[in-house]
Amino acid sequence: MKKSVTITINAEKLAALEMYLGQKNLKLSEELEKFSEHLYQKYVPSNVRDFIGMMSAKKPARKPRNSSPAETGNQSER
C-alpha cells in the first residue's frame, strides 16, 4: 500500500526547482521518491526492512470480484 506525504515549500523555490530539474529531464516526484528510499535505507534497520520485504512478498493476491450483478443473478436461476 502506498501513502502520500505532503510538504510545504515556498512557491518561488518550487518553481525554480521544477525549472532546473526540467532542464536535466528530471521530475520532482521521481526525485522525491528516490530521496524517500534513501531515507528509508539510511534510518530503518536492515532487519526491519527485511521483515517488511518478506511481509510484502507474502501477501496473497486479491480475489477477483464478481464481474457484474447480472451474472450473479443468472447463476442463481440455474
N, C-alpha and C. Protein backbone atom coordinates (compact mmCIF):
# COMPACT_ATOMS: atom_id res chain seq x y z
N MET A 1 0.83 -1.16 0.00
CA MET A 1 0.00 0.00 0.00
C MET A 1 0.89 1.24 0.00
N LYS A 2 0.58 2.16 -0.87
CA LYS A 2 1.34 3.40 -0.90
C LYS A 2 0.53 4.49 -0.22
N LYS A 3 1.24 5.38 0.41
CA LYS A 3 0.64 6.54 1.05
C LYS A 3 1.32 7.78 0.50
N SER A 4 0.65 8.90 0.59
CA SER A 4 1.25 10.14 0.13
C SER A 4 1.65 10.99 1.32
N VAL A 5 2.61 11.86 1.08
CA VAL A 5 3.13 12.77 2.09
C VAL A 5 3.03 14.18 1.50
N THR A 6 2.61 15.12 2.31
CA THR A 6 2.50 16.50 1.86
C THR A 6 3.58 17.32 2.53
N ILE A 7 4.27 18.14 1.74
CA ILE A 7 5.27 19.05 2.29
C ILE A 7 4.89 20.47 1.90
N THR A 8 5.44 21.41 2.63
CA THR A 8 5.22 22.82 2.33
C THR A 8 6.53 23.41 1.85
N ILE A 9 6.47 24.15 0.75
CA ILE A 9 7.66 24.77 0.18
C ILE A 9 7.27 26.11 -0.40
N ASN A 10 8.17 27.05 -0.32
CA ASN A 10 7.96 28.38 -0.88
C ASN A 10 7.69 28.25 -2.38
N ALA A 11 6.68 28.95 -2.89
CA ALA A 11 6.26 28.83 -4.29
C ALA A 11 7.39 29.17 -5.26
N GLU A 12 8.17 30.20 -4.95
CA GLU A 12 9.27 30.59 -5.84
C GLU A 12 10.36 29.52 -5.87
N LYS A 13 10.62 28.93 -4.71
CA LYS A 13 11.63 27.85 -4.64
C LYS A 13 11.15 26.64 -5.42
N LEU A 14 9.87 26.33 -5.29
CA LEU A 14 9.32 25.18 -6.02
C LEU A 14 9.41 25.41 -7.53
N ALA A 15 9.05 26.59 -7.97
CA ALA A 15 9.10 26.91 -9.40
C ALA A 15 10.54 26.79 -9.92
N ALA A 16 11.50 27.32 -9.15
CA ALA A 16 12.90 27.24 -9.56
C ALA A 16 13.38 25.79 -9.58
N LEU A 17 13.00 25.04 -8.57
CA LEU A 17 13.40 23.63 -8.50
C LEU A 17 12.86 22.85 -9.70
N GLU A 18 11.58 23.03 -10.00
CA GLU A 18 10.98 22.33 -11.14
C GLU A 18 11.62 22.77 -12.45
N MET A 19 11.95 24.06 -12.58
CA MET A 19 12.57 24.56 -13.81
C MET A 19 13.95 23.90 -14.02
N TYR A 20 14.78 23.89 -12.99
CA TYR A 20 16.12 23.33 -13.13
C TYR A 20 16.11 21.81 -13.25
N LEU A 21 15.18 21.15 -12.58
CA LEU A 21 15.05 19.71 -12.78
C LEU A 21 14.63 19.42 -14.22
N GLY A 22 13.71 20.23 -14.75
CA GLY A 22 13.25 20.06 -16.12
C GLY A 22 14.38 20.21 -17.13
N GLN A 23 15.33 21.09 -16.85
CA GLN A 23 16.47 21.27 -17.75
C GLN A 23 17.32 20.00 -17.81
N LYS A 24 17.26 19.22 -16.78
CA LYS A 24 18.02 17.96 -16.74
C LYS A 24 17.11 16.76 -17.04
N ASN A 25 15.90 17.03 -17.55
CA ASN A 25 14.92 16.00 -17.87
C ASN A 25 14.58 15.12 -16.66
N LEU A 26 14.47 15.77 -15.51
CA LEU A 26 14.11 15.08 -14.28
C LEU A 26 12.75 15.58 -13.81
N LYS A 27 12.07 14.73 -13.04
CA LYS A 27 10.77 15.10 -12.47
C LYS A 27 10.89 15.16 -10.96
N LEU A 28 10.27 16.16 -10.37
CA LEU A 28 10.33 16.34 -8.93
C LEU A 28 9.79 15.11 -8.20
N SER A 29 8.68 14.58 -8.65
CA SER A 29 8.10 13.42 -7.96
C SER A 29 9.05 12.23 -7.96
N GLU A 30 9.74 12.01 -9.07
CA GLU A 30 10.69 10.89 -9.13
C GLU A 30 11.88 11.12 -8.22
N GLU A 31 12.35 12.35 -8.16
CA GLU A 31 13.48 12.68 -7.29
C GLU A 31 13.08 12.53 -5.82
N LEU A 32 11.87 12.94 -5.49
CA LEU A 32 11.40 12.79 -4.11
C LEU A 32 11.24 11.31 -3.74
N GLU A 33 10.78 10.49 -4.67
CA GLU A 33 10.69 9.05 -4.40
C GLU A 33 12.06 8.45 -4.15
N LYS A 34 13.05 8.85 -4.95
CA LYS A 34 14.42 8.36 -4.74
C LYS A 34 14.94 8.79 -3.38
N PHE A 35 14.67 10.04 -3.02
CA PHE A 35 15.16 10.55 -1.74
C PHE A 35 14.48 9.85 -0.58
N SER A 36 13.18 9.59 -0.70
CA SER A 36 12.48 8.88 0.38
C SER A 36 13.03 7.47 0.54
N GLU A 37 13.39 6.83 -0.57
CA GLU A 37 14.00 5.49 -0.49
C GLU A 37 15.37 5.58 0.19
N HIS A 38 16.12 6.64 -0.12
CA HIS A 38 17.42 6.86 0.52
C HIS A 38 17.24 7.02 2.04
N LEU A 39 16.26 7.81 2.45
CA LEU A 39 15.99 7.99 3.89
C LEU A 39 15.60 6.67 4.54
N TYR A 40 14.77 5.90 3.86
CA TYR A 40 14.34 4.59 4.36
C TYR A 40 15.54 3.68 4.57
N GLN A 41 16.42 3.60 3.58
CA GLN A 41 17.62 2.76 3.69
C GLN A 41 18.55 3.24 4.80
N LYS A 42 18.61 4.54 4.98
CA LYS A 42 19.52 5.11 5.97
C LYS A 42 19.03 4.92 7.41
N TYR A 43 17.74 5.10 7.64
CA TYR A 43 17.25 5.13 9.01
C TYR A 43 16.52 3.88 9.49
N VAL A 44 15.97 3.09 8.61
CA VAL A 44 15.26 1.89 9.03
C VAL A 44 16.27 0.74 9.10
N PRO A 45 16.38 0.08 10.23
CA PRO A 45 17.35 -1.02 10.36
C PRO A 45 17.11 -2.11 9.30
N SER A 46 18.19 -2.74 8.89
CA SER A 46 18.10 -3.73 7.81
C SER A 46 17.19 -4.90 8.19
N ASN A 47 17.19 -5.32 9.45
CA ASN A 47 16.31 -6.43 9.84
C ASN A 47 14.84 -6.04 9.71
N VAL A 48 14.52 -4.79 9.96
CA VAL A 48 13.13 -4.32 9.80
C VAL A 48 12.79 -4.25 8.32
N ARG A 49 13.72 -3.74 7.50
CA ARG A 49 13.49 -3.69 6.04
C ARG A 49 13.29 -5.10 5.49
N ASP A 50 14.08 -6.06 5.98
CA ASP A 50 13.93 -7.45 5.55
C ASP A 50 12.55 -7.99 5.92
N PHE A 51 12.12 -7.71 7.14
CA PHE A 51 10.81 -8.18 7.61
C PHE A 51 9.70 -7.57 6.75
N ILE A 52 9.77 -6.28 6.49
CA ILE A 52 8.75 -5.62 5.66
C ILE A 52 8.76 -6.22 4.26
N GLY A 53 9.94 -6.50 3.74
CA GLY A 53 10.05 -7.13 2.41
C GLY A 53 9.41 -8.51 2.38
N MET A 54 9.63 -9.28 3.43
CA MET A 54 9.03 -10.62 3.49
C MET A 54 7.52 -10.54 3.60
N MET A 55 7.02 -9.61 4.40
CA MET A 55 5.58 -9.46 4.58
C MET A 55 4.92 -8.99 3.28
N SER A 56 5.59 -8.11 2.56
CA SER A 56 5.04 -7.63 1.29
C SER A 56 4.98 -8.75 0.26
N ALA A 57 6.00 -9.59 0.24
CA ALA A 57 6.04 -10.70 -0.71
C ALA A 57 5.03 -11.79 -0.34
N LYS A 58 4.68 -11.88 0.93
CA LYS A 58 3.81 -12.94 1.43
C LYS A 58 2.32 -12.66 1.19
N LYS A 59 1.95 -11.39 0.98
CA LYS A 59 0.54 -11.04 0.84
C LYS A 59 -0.05 -11.72 -0.38
N PRO A 60 -1.19 -12.41 -0.20
CA PRO A 60 -1.82 -13.08 -1.34
C PRO A 60 -2.48 -12.06 -2.27
N ALA A 61 -2.62 -12.45 -3.52
CA ALA A 61 -3.29 -11.60 -4.49
C ALA A 61 -4.76 -11.49 -4.11
N ARG A 62 -5.36 -10.37 -4.44
CA ARG A 62 -6.78 -10.18 -4.14
C ARG A 62 -7.61 -11.15 -4.96
N LYS A 63 -8.69 -11.61 -4.35
CA LYS A 63 -9.60 -12.49 -5.06
C LYS A 63 -10.41 -11.64 -6.04
N PRO A 64 -10.61 -12.13 -7.24
CA PRO A 64 -11.41 -11.35 -8.18
C PRO A 64 -12.85 -11.25 -7.71
N ARG A 65 -13.42 -10.07 -7.92
CA ARG A 65 -14.82 -9.87 -7.55
C ARG A 65 -15.69 -10.33 -8.70
N ASN A 66 -16.97 -10.56 -8.41
CA ASN A 66 -17.90 -10.92 -9.48
C ASN A 66 -17.92 -9.81 -10.51
N SER A 67 -17.99 -10.19 -11.79
CA SER A 67 -17.92 -9.22 -12.86
C SER A 67 -19.08 -8.24 -12.83
N SER A 68 -20.30 -8.74 -12.71
CA SER A 68 -21.45 -7.85 -12.70
C SER A 68 -22.59 -8.50 -11.95
N PRO A 69 -23.50 -7.69 -11.44
CA PRO A 69 -24.65 -8.27 -10.73
C PRO A 69 -25.52 -9.13 -11.64
N ALA A 70 -25.54 -8.81 -12.94
CA ALA A 70 -26.37 -9.60 -13.87
C ALA A 70 -25.89 -11.04 -13.92
N GLU A 71 -24.55 -11.22 -13.91
CA GLU A 71 -24.02 -12.59 -13.97
C GLU A 71 -24.38 -13.35 -12.70
N THR A 72 -24.38 -12.68 -11.56
CA THR A 72 -24.73 -13.32 -10.29
C THR A 72 -26.19 -13.78 -10.33
N GLY A 73 -27.05 -12.92 -10.86
CA GLY A 73 -28.46 -13.27 -10.97
C GLY A 73 -28.69 -14.45 -11.89
N ASN A 74 -27.94 -14.52 -12.97
CA ASN A 74 -28.09 -15.64 -13.90
C ASN A 74 -27.68 -16.96 -13.28
N GLN A 75 -26.66 -16.91 -12.42
CA GLN A 75 -26.20 -18.15 -11.80
C GLN A 75 -27.22 -18.68 -10.81
N SER A 76 -27.96 -17.80 -10.13
CA SER A 76 -28.93 -18.28 -9.15
C SER A 76 -30.15 -18.88 -9.82
N GLU A 77 -30.39 -18.54 -11.10
CA GLU A 77 -31.54 -19.10 -11.83
C GLU A 77 -31.31 -20.53 -12.26
N ARG A 78 -30.06 -20.96 -12.29
CA ARG A 78 -29.71 -22.29 -12.79
C ARG A 78 -30.08 -23.37 -11.85
